[in-house]
Each structure stands twice: as structure tokens, then as C-alpha cells.
Amino acid sequence: MPLFHFGFSAMASVNELQIWADAETDARRGADAAIADALRIEAKYSRFRDDSVVTRINRAAGNAEVPIDQETAALLRYADQCYLLSGALFDITSGALRRAWDFRRTPPRLPTDAELEAAVSAIGWGDVEWNEQAVRLPRTGMEIDFGGVCKEYAADRMATLCLEHGLDHVLVNLGGDVRVAGPQQDGAPWRVGIRHPRRSGEVITTVELVSGALATSGDYERFFEIDEVRYCHLLNARTGWPVRHWQSVSVVAPLCVVAGSCSTIAMLLEATGEAFLDSQGVRYLAIAHDGTLTGPFAPTSQR
């Protein structure tokens, strides 16, 4: 039984699908269905597309409610759970902070107090009116962004579709967020590396998975530095300022969407992030701002 690799681009990431199958036609059939669904999810929930659900909701902010389907309602329910678990720090309306922070600007600059105040005033998932049929953003300028859950949700969907196509040995990698459906063809686990947040190309440790998911949140993907202080894209919804306590948090959970949200919430909770991860019963590797490693996956020699 050979291993087939399928690379594709989606959600601003370079992605890969690995499938053990008896025949390439079997692997390709499942891969095509899985990749098509990832692209569907991207198109449906991208804030960059004029025809997406997210754009329709955001354009109607301050006005009428927008009808939604069952899938969108399920994502809102999950986002609401994350909001409650995080003490309101995981907030899908916090994308408004992009108006104050530009991580691609050269040279970089810090936002003014007025810019931050204006952006923070547009945040507030607790004020959003929603149910299973519709959602309404009550204030002009508010917006939602499923960026914190969509990629991981897509990874789970891809794995499910492969299973539905009779493929039982699958690894989905969406920009570093990994979902596994079944072991490799000989029963061996998949080995997934956790990257070093400060040393490009270096792996801190390797996690073995026969099912489930591994997701990482960190301060190294989008950031800038001013006076040797790092400002990353993970922003506190209350203050508008970037988090600083952790360099990265990697979480293993049964679903990629759970691993991803737990890692992000831990980053946002900063000093209390580890206690949150322990309370959720997930395995993790957390790397503090000073490089200290903690969690079940931390190599003993580096703790």
C-alpha cells in the first residue's frame, strides 16, 4: 500500500494531505473531495470575499439581521463556547483591532491610544444578537471573523470526508495544524514535529498520533519588533494589546478545532493559560517568553 501526497493552497497556507491507499485513484477521489471542501469553507467564511457569509454579516452591522444556515450557526455556537471559556478574550468580533495594528507596515509603528480606543469600542461578542436562524451585529463598525476556528474546522472536515471515502490512514496538514484519521498503513503512529518559535527550521519535540489533532498558536507568524520588544498578532480583546507571556502553545486534542481554540485561548490567558489547559484535560507543550518549556510534551532536559 503506497503513500500518496497531495499539496494545495488554501487559507493563506501551504497545505498537504497524506493518504495511504491501495490505488492512486482511491486516494485521489478522497483527496479531491476533501480539498474541495476546504476551498468551499474558505470561500464561504473569508472576510476578503465580497460574496462570503462573513462579508454579508459585517456589511449589515448596525442594521438588519442576516439569515444563516446550520453550519454557520454551529460555528457561532462553538465561538460562543470559546468566548465563555476564555473569560471573553476569545472574541470573534476582535478582528476590528486590525484597524489599529498593521503587521505588514514598513517601518512598523505602534497604534495611538485613540486608534486602539476606537478599535476596542467595536468589539463585543456579548452584544451580538444571534440564534440558529440569523445573526445581527448591533453597532456600525462591528465585524466577525472566523479566522480563529475556520482552518481547524476545515482540517476536521477533510479528515471526515476521507474516512467517508473509505480511507483510514490519513494525515491532514493545514498550515501546521494537523488532523490524523487512523495510523499509518502498518499501524505505526504519524510523527508530527512541534517547531521552535525562535529558531527557523528547528523542531523542539515530536508528537506521535494515531488519531486526533495537533495545533499551535504562537507569536512568530505575524509580528514586528520595536526597541527589542515583540508585538504579535494575538491581541487582547479588552485592551487591544498583543499578548506576551508565551512564545507558543501546542495542543493535542481529539479534534483540530478543539486543539486550535485551546492553544489560542491559552495564549490569550497568558499567565493563567497553563491552568486552563490542565482544566481542559488536553496534552500540550507551552513555551514561555523566556524560553522555558512546560507541559506533558516538554522534553525533560529542557524543562
Protein backbone atom coordinates (compact mmCIF):
# COMPACT_ATOMS: atom_id res chain seq x y z
CA MET A 1 0.00 0.00 0.00
CA PRO A 2 1.75 3.22 -1.12
CA LEU A 3 1.63 6.67 0.48
CA PHE A 4 0.21 9.44 -1.70
CA HIS A 5 0.88 13.16 -1.19
CA PHE A 6 -1.46 15.95 -2.31
CA GLY A 7 -0.33 19.56 -1.94
CA PHE A 8 -2.65 22.54 -2.25
CA SER A 9 -3.02 26.18 -1.22
CA ALA A 10 -5.89 27.47 0.88
CA MET A 11 -6.48 29.88 3.77
CA ALA A 12 -3.19 31.70 3.11
CA SER A 13 -1.28 28.49 3.83
CA VAL A 14 0.70 25.83 2.01
CA ASN A 15 -1.05 22.57 2.87
CA GLU A 16 -0.62 18.85 2.41
CA LEU A 17 -2.79 15.76 2.53
CA GLN A 18 -1.08 12.37 3.01
CA ILE A 19 -3.06 9.21 2.31
CA TRP A 20 -2.12 5.54 2.41
CA ALA A 21 -4.31 3.73 -0.15
CA ASP A 22 -4.35 0.62 -2.31
CA ALA A 23 -4.65 2.65 -5.51
CA GLU A 24 -3.96 6.23 -6.52
CA THR A 25 -7.49 6.55 -7.90
CA ASP A 26 -8.90 5.79 -4.45
CA ALA A 27 -6.59 8.27 -2.76
CA ARG A 28 -7.24 10.97 -5.34
CA ARG A 29 -11.00 10.58 -5.12
CA GLY A 30 -10.94 11.21 -1.38
CA ALA A 31 -8.32 13.94 -1.66
CA ASP A 32 -10.29 15.81 -4.32
CA ALA A 33 -13.42 15.78 -2.16
CA ALA A 34 -11.51 16.88 0.96
CA ILE A 35 -9.61 19.69 -0.78
CA ALA A 36 -12.78 20.92 -2.49
CA ASP A 37 -14.47 21.17 0.90
CA ALA A 38 -11.56 23.15 2.39
CA LEU A 39 -11.82 25.59 -0.51
CA ARG A 40 -15.60 25.76 -0.01
CA ILE A 41 -15.15 26.67 3.65
CA GLU A 42 -12.56 29.30 2.76
CA ALA A 43 -14.87 30.90 0.18
CA LYS A 44 -17.87 30.79 2.49
CA TYR A 45 -16.22 32.37 5.51
CA SER A 46 -13.42 34.54 4.09
CA ARG A 47 -13.58 38.18 5.12
CA PHE A 48 -11.76 39.01 1.87
CA ARG A 49 -14.56 37.85 -0.46
CA ASP A 50 -17.50 40.08 -1.33
CA ASP A 51 -19.83 37.08 -1.63
CA SER A 52 -18.95 35.33 1.66
CA VAL A 53 -21.28 34.83 4.61
CA VAL A 54 -18.91 36.82 6.81
CA THR A 55 -18.91 39.81 4.45
CA ARG A 56 -22.72 39.82 4.32
CA ILE A 57 -22.92 39.79 8.10
CA ASN A 58 -20.32 42.52 8.52
CA ARG A 59 -21.87 44.79 5.89
CA ALA A 60 -25.17 44.65 7.75
CA ALA A 61 -23.63 45.78 11.07
CA GLY A 62 -25.91 48.25 12.80
CA ASN A 63 -28.82 47.31 10.57
CA ALA A 64 -30.93 44.22 9.93
CA GLU A 65 -30.19 40.63 10.92
CA VAL A 66 -28.68 38.28 8.35
CA PRO A 67 -30.11 34.77 7.80
CA ILE A 68 -27.62 31.95 8.42
CA ASP A 69 -27.55 28.21 7.75
CA GLN A 70 -26.97 25.30 10.12
CA GLU A 71 -23.21 25.18 9.51
CA THR A 72 -22.75 28.87 10.32
CA ALA A 73 -24.93 28.55 13.42
CA ALA A 74 -22.74 25.65 14.61
CA LEU A 75 -19.60 27.77 14.20
CA LEU A 76 -21.23 30.61 16.13
CA ARG A 77 -22.17 28.19 18.92
CA TYR A 78 -18.60 26.99 19.13
CA ALA A 79 -17.25 30.55 19.11
CA ASP A 80 -19.66 31.37 21.93
CA GLN A 81 -18.32 28.44 23.99
CA CYS A 82 -14.76 29.67 23.43
CA TYR A 83 -15.80 33.19 24.45
CA LEU A 84 -17.21 31.90 27.73
CA LEU A 85 -14.27 29.56 28.44
CA SER A 86 -11.75 32.34 27.84
CA GLY A 87 -13.42 34.94 30.01
CA ALA A 88 -14.34 36.97 26.89
CA LEU A 89 -10.78 37.02 25.50
CA PHE A 90 -11.50 34.68 22.57
CA ASP A 91 -13.86 37.02 20.76
CA ILE A 92 -14.66 36.60 17.06
CA THR A 93 -15.53 40.32 16.87
CA SER A 94 -11.96 41.31 17.84
CA GLY A 95 -10.92 41.44 14.19
CA ALA A 96 -11.75 45.13 14.47
CA LEU A 97 -8.31 45.52 16.03
CA ARG A 98 -6.82 45.19 12.53
CA ARG A 99 -7.75 48.84 12.09
CA ALA A 100 -5.19 49.74 14.74
CA TRP A 101 -2.48 47.14 14.10
CA ASP A 102 -0.71 46.67 10.76
CA PHE A 103 1.85 43.86 10.97
CA ARG A 104 2.95 44.32 7.37
CA ARG A 105 3.76 48.01 7.60
CA THR A 106 7.37 49.08 6.96
CA PRO A 107 8.63 50.57 9.13
CA PRO A 108 6.32 49.24 11.86
CA ARG A 109 4.62 51.56 14.30
CA LEU A 110 2.52 51.25 17.43
CA PRO A 111 -1.10 52.39 17.29
CA THR A 112 -2.11 55.56 19.05
CA ASP A 113 -4.33 55.49 22.12
CA ALA A 114 -7.16 56.94 20.02
CA GLU A 115 -6.78 54.22 17.37
CA LEU A 116 -6.85 51.48 19.99
CA GLU A 117 -9.83 53.00 21.78
CA ALA A 118 -11.80 53.21 18.53
CA ALA A 119 -10.99 49.61 17.60
CA VAL A 120 -11.78 48.21 21.06
CA SER A 121 -15.12 50.02 21.06
CA ALA A 122 -16.17 47.91 18.05
CA ILE A 123 -15.53 44.63 19.91
CA GLY A 124 -18.18 42.78 21.87
CA TRP A 125 -19.39 39.27 21.10
CA GLY A 126 -21.62 39.51 24.16
CA ASP A 127 -23.61 42.25 22.41
CA VAL A 128 -24.21 40.26 19.22
CA GLU A 129 -27.78 39.11 18.64
CA TRP A 130 -27.92 35.61 17.21
CA ASN A 131 -29.82 32.35 17.12
CA GLU A 132 -29.96 29.26 14.92
CA GLN A 133 -31.52 31.18 12.02
CA ALA A 134 -29.94 34.65 11.99
CA VAL A 135 -27.26 36.94 13.38
CA ARG A 136 -27.14 40.70 13.86
CA LEU A 137 -24.22 42.94 14.75
CA PRO A 138 -25.82 45.76 16.75
CA ARG A 139 -23.30 48.55 16.10
CA THR A 140 -21.96 50.01 12.88
CA GLY A 141 -18.30 49.11 12.54
CA MET A 142 -18.61 45.75 14.27
CA GLU A 143 -17.44 42.66 12.40
CA ILE A 144 -16.97 38.96 12.92
CA ASP A 145 -14.02 36.89 11.79
CA PHE A 146 -13.94 33.08 11.88
CA GLY A 147 -10.15 33.07 11.40
CA GLY A 148 -9.67 31.54 14.84
CA VAL A 149 -11.68 28.41 14.03
CA CYS A 150 -12.14 28.02 10.27
CA LYS A 151 -8.80 26.47 9.31
CA GLU A 152 -9.04 23.91 12.09
CA TYR A 153 -12.67 23.19 11.26
CA ALA A 154 -11.63 22.61 7.64
CA ALA A 155 -8.93 20.15 8.75
CA ASP A 156 -11.52 18.15 10.68
CA ARG A 157 -13.90 18.19 7.73
CA MET A 158 -11.15 16.96 5.39
CA ALA A 159 -10.35 14.03 7.65
CA THR A 160 -14.03 13.13 7.94
CA LEU A 161 -14.51 13.19 4.17
CA CYS A 162 -11.50 10.92 3.67
CA LEU A 163 -12.96 8.45 6.15
CA GLU A 164 -16.28 8.59 4.32
CA HIS A 165 -14.39 7.64 1.14
CA GLY A 166 -13.04 4.52 2.84
CA LEU A 167 -9.58 5.97 3.54
CA ASP A 168 -8.47 5.01 7.04
CA HIS A 169 -4.82 6.17 7.06
CA VAL A 170 -4.82 9.93 6.58
CA LEU A 171 -2.89 12.98 7.75
CA VAL A 172 -4.17 16.49 7.01
CA ASN A 173 -1.75 19.41 7.44
CA LEU A 174 -3.29 22.85 7.04
CA GLY A 175 -0.52 25.37 7.56
CA GLY A 176 0.91 23.44 10.51
CA ASP A 177 -2.39 22.47 12.09
CA VAL A 178 -2.63 18.69 11.80
CA ARG A 179 -5.54 16.25 11.92
CA VAL A 180 -4.95 12.50 11.77
CA ALA A 181 -7.54 9.85 10.86
CA GLY A 182 -6.13 6.43 11.63
CA PRO A 183 -2.50 5.28 11.93
CA GLN A 184 -0.12 4.71 9.06
CA GLN A 185 -0.75 1.59 6.97
CA ASP A 186 1.48 -0.62 9.17
CA GLY A 187 -0.21 0.57 12.38
CA ALA A 188 2.61 2.94 13.29
CA PRO A 189 1.69 6.42 14.52
CA TRP A 190 2.25 9.53 12.46
CA ARG A 191 5.14 11.59 13.83
CA VAL A 192 4.43 15.32 13.89
CA GLY A 193 7.04 17.87 14.87
CA ILE A 194 6.46 20.96 17.02
CA ARG A 195 8.50 23.81 15.59
CA HIS A 196 10.77 26.05 17.61
CA PRO A 197 9.19 29.53 17.82
CA ARG A 198 12.56 31.29 17.62
CA ARG A 199 14.80 29.03 15.51
CA SER A 200 13.63 28.63 11.92
CA GLY A 201 13.54 25.04 10.72
CA GLU A 202 14.21 23.57 14.15
CA VAL A 203 11.86 21.10 15.86
CA ILE A 204 11.62 21.09 19.66
CA THR A 205 9.96 17.71 20.00
CA THR A 206 7.89 15.19 18.06
CA VAL A 207 4.38 14.02 18.90
CA GLU A 208 3.03 10.61 17.85
CA LEU A 209 -0.59 10.46 16.71
CA VAL A 210 -2.79 7.58 15.57
CA SER A 211 -5.87 9.78 15.72
CA GLY A 212 -6.75 13.29 16.81
CA ALA A 213 -5.08 16.59 16.12
CA LEU A 214 -2.18 18.90 16.94
CA ALA A 215 -2.48 22.68 16.63
CA THR A 216 -0.16 25.50 17.61
CA SER A 217 -0.67 29.19 18.34
CA GLY A 218 2.37 31.43 18.61
CA ASP A 219 3.84 34.89 18.42
CA TYR A 220 6.09 34.14 15.43
CA GLU A 221 3.83 34.12 12.36
CA ARG A 222 2.83 37.79 12.25
CA PHE A 223 4.74 40.23 14.40
CA PHE A 224 7.11 43.16 14.43
CA GLU A 225 9.70 44.40 16.91
CA ILE A 226 10.31 47.91 18.19
CA ASP A 227 13.12 48.60 20.67
CA GLU A 228 13.62 44.82 21.04
CA VAL A 229 10.00 44.28 22.12
CA ARG A 230 7.94 41.82 20.07
CA TYR A 231 4.36 42.72 19.16
CA CYS A 232 2.41 39.78 17.71
CA HIS A 233 -0.98 39.37 16.02
CA LEU A 234 -2.62 37.67 19.03
CA LEU A 235 -4.42 40.60 20.62
CA ASN A 236 -6.21 41.00 23.94
CA ALA A 237 -9.84 41.83 23.12
CA ARG A 238 -10.17 44.01 26.22
CA THR A 239 -7.03 46.13 25.95
CA GLY A 240 -6.21 45.82 22.26
CA TRP A 241 -2.57 44.99 23.03
CA PRO A 242 -0.66 41.87 21.95
CA VAL A 243 -0.08 39.01 24.36
CA ARG A 244 3.49 38.43 25.62
CA HIS A 245 3.56 35.62 28.16
CA TRP A 246 4.00 32.66 25.77
CA GLN A 247 6.10 32.25 22.65
CA SER A 248 3.86 29.39 21.55
CA VAL A 249 1.37 26.83 22.80
CA SER A 250 0.83 23.48 21.06
CA VAL A 251 -2.15 21.30 21.98
CA VAL A 252 -3.20 17.73 21.15
CA ALA A 253 -6.95 17.06 21.22
CA PRO A 254 -9.45 14.73 19.51
CA LEU A 255 -10.46 17.46 17.02
CA CYS A 256 -8.33 20.08 15.34
CA VAL A 257 -10.86 22.82 16.09
CA VAL A 258 -10.56 21.97 19.80
CA ALA A 259 -6.75 21.84 19.71
CA GLY A 260 -6.64 25.17 17.88
CA SER A 261 -9.05 27.02 20.14
CA CYS A 262 -7.40 25.65 23.30
CA SER A 263 -3.96 26.78 22.13
CA THR A 264 -5.26 30.23 21.22
CA ILE A 265 -7.16 30.66 24.48
CA ALA A 266 -4.06 29.65 26.44
CA MET A 267 -2.04 32.29 24.59
CA LEU A 268 -4.69 34.92 25.32
CA LEU A 269 -4.96 33.97 29.00
CA GLU A 270 -1.20 34.49 29.36
CA ALA A 271 -0.09 33.58 32.91
CA THR A 272 -3.23 31.52 33.60
CA GLY A 273 -3.07 29.70 30.27
CA GLU A 274 -1.44 26.57 31.66
CA ALA A 275 -4.12 26.20 34.34
CA PHE A 276 -6.76 26.48 31.61
CA LEU A 277 -5.11 23.73 29.54
CA ASP A 278 -4.93 21.47 32.61
CA SER A 279 -8.63 22.10 33.29
CA GLN A 280 -9.49 21.01 29.73
CA GLY A 281 -7.64 17.72 30.08
CA VAL A 282 -5.59 18.22 26.91
CA ARG A 283 -1.93 17.42 26.34
CA TYR A 284 0.27 20.36 25.43
CA LEU A 285 3.66 22.00 25.12
CA ALA A 286 3.83 25.64 26.20
CA ILE A 287 6.92 27.79 25.70
CA ALA A 288 7.15 30.86 27.93
CA HIS A 289 8.53 34.23 26.86
CA ASP A 290 11.89 33.34 28.44
CA GLY A 291 12.08 30.03 26.55
CA THR A 292 11.05 27.80 29.45
CA LEU A 293 9.18 24.68 28.30
CA THR A 294 6.25 23.26 30.24
CA GLY A 295 3.54 20.66 29.75
CA PRO A 296 3.33 16.90 29.12
CA PHE A 297 5.22 17.15 25.82
CA ALA A 298 8.11 19.21 27.17
CA PRO A 299 11.41 17.33 26.80
CA THR A 300 12.67 16.56 30.31
CA SER A 301 16.09 18.05 29.62
CA GLN A 302 14.59 21.42 28.61
CA ARG A 303 12.04 21.99 31.37
